[in-house]
């Protein structure tokens, strides 16, 4: 079976110092981030602005759904969806990106 172009999985290693960009590997309308670590992860839509922050609790997931407004996809290949930072350890964060 060939490459499935509507669904991509990515694993992101994060740390407690750097805001790691979670980048769409394909055009997509749904993004799921799974925190597989035993520590919480901090997510921000703007790495420099703490008012855009929320916590992804250990062993939980965040699901983001896009609505079509003026374009066929909410997130385009290569765009930064959020930034992630570990509260301890190095993650990982697993991403599912669905067209």
Protein backbone atom coordinates (compact mmCIF):
# COMPACT_ATOMS: atom_id res chain seq x y z
CA UNK A 1 0.00 0.00 0.00
CA UNK A 2 1.28 3.45 -0.90
CA UNK A 3 1.75 6.66 1.02
CA UNK A 4 -1.43 8.05 2.62
CA UNK A 5 -1.53 11.74 1.78
CA UNK A 6 -4.42 12.74 4.06
CA UNK A 7 -2.93 11.63 7.38
CA UNK A 8 0.56 12.21 8.77
CA UNK A 9 2.08 11.29 12.14
CA UNK A 10 5.03 13.16 13.61
CA UNK A 11 6.97 12.84 16.86
CA UNK A 12 8.39 16.01 18.39
CA UNK A 13 11.11 15.95 21.04
CA UNK A 14 10.75 18.96 23.30
CA UNK A 15 12.68 20.29 26.28
CA UNK A 16 12.22 22.65 29.23
CA UNK A 17 14.16 25.54 27.69
CA UNK A 18 13.15 25.93 24.04
CA UNK A 19 9.73 26.63 22.55
CA UNK A 20 9.56 23.92 19.88
CA UNK A 21 7.37 24.79 16.89
CA UNK A 22 4.80 22.14 16.01
CA UNK A 23 4.76 22.41 12.21
CA UNK A 24 2.12 20.99 9.90
CA UNK A 25 3.73 18.36 7.62
CA UNK A 26 0.76 18.56 5.25
CA UNK A 27 -2.33 20.66 4.58
CA UNK A 28 -4.80 19.74 7.30
CA UNK A 29 -8.06 20.61 9.02
CA UNK A 30 -7.56 18.58 12.20
CA UNK A 31 -4.54 18.37 14.48
CA UNK A 32 -4.24 16.11 17.51
CA UNK A 33 -1.34 16.45 19.94
CA UNK A 34 -0.75 13.58 22.35
CA UNK A 35 1.38 14.13 25.44
CA UNK A 36 2.97 10.73 26.08
CA UNK A 37 5.15 11.91 28.95
CA UNK A 38 4.47 11.73 32.68
CA UNK A 39 4.86 15.51 32.91
CA UNK A 40 2.67 18.34 31.69
CA UNK A 41 3.47 20.20 28.49
CA UNK A 42 2.90 23.89 27.90
CA UNK A 43 1.42 24.99 24.57
CA UNK A 44 1.43 28.54 23.20
CA UNK A 45 0.17 30.04 19.99
CA UNK A 46 2.79 32.80 20.36
CA UNK A 47 6.08 31.68 21.91
CA UNK A 48 6.77 35.19 23.24
CA UNK A 49 3.33 35.77 24.82
CA UNK A 50 2.36 33.92 28.01
CA UNK A 51 -1.26 35.03 27.62
CA UNK A 52 -1.57 32.52 24.72
CA UNK A 53 -0.56 29.61 26.95
CA UNK A 54 -2.40 26.49 28.05
CA UNK A 55 -1.29 23.27 29.72
CA UNK A 56 -1.55 19.86 28.11
CA UNK A 57 -1.74 17.53 31.09
CA UNK A 58 0.46 14.41 31.20
CA UNK A 59 -0.89 11.48 29.17
CA UNK A 60 -3.66 13.58 27.61
CA UNK A 61 -4.37 14.97 24.16
CA UNK A 62 -5.39 18.25 22.57
CA UNK A 63 -7.59 18.17 19.47
CA UNK A 64 -7.79 21.24 17.22
CA UNK A 65 -10.40 21.42 14.51
CA UNK A 66 -10.33 23.96 11.72
CA UNK A 67 -13.32 25.50 10.01
CA UNK A 68 -13.28 26.38 6.38
CA UNK A 69 -13.72 30.11 5.91
CA UNK A 70 -12.05 31.33 2.75
CA UNK A 71 -9.67 28.48 2.08
CA UNK A 72 -9.92 24.71 1.76
CA UNK A 73 -7.57 24.00 4.71
CA UNK A 74 -7.14 25.53 8.14
CA UNK A 75 -3.41 24.81 8.39
CA UNK A 76 -1.10 24.61 5.41
CA UNK A 77 2.00 22.47 4.97
CA UNK A 78 4.88 24.14 6.80
CA UNK A 79 2.87 26.49 9.02
CA UNK A 80 3.45 26.64 12.77
CA UNK A 81 0.35 25.47 14.61
CA UNK A 82 1.56 25.93 18.20
CA UNK A 83 4.76 26.00 20.21
CA UNK A 84 5.41 23.33 22.86
CA UNK A 85 7.66 23.22 25.90
CA UNK A 86 8.15 20.47 28.50
CA UNK A 87 7.73 21.15 32.21
CA UNK A 88 10.18 18.27 32.86
CA UNK A 89 12.12 15.88 30.66
CA UNK A 90 11.90 15.84 26.86
CA UNK A 91 8.34 14.88 25.97
CA UNK A 92 7.68 13.53 23.44
CA UNK A 93 4.64 15.05 21.78
CA UNK A 94 3.03 13.00 19.03
CA UNK A 95 1.09 14.84 16.36
CA UNK A 96 -1.61 13.54 14.01
CA UNK A 97 -2.35 15.83 11.09
CA UNK A 98 -5.52 14.97 9.14
CA UNK A 99 -6.72 16.60 5.94
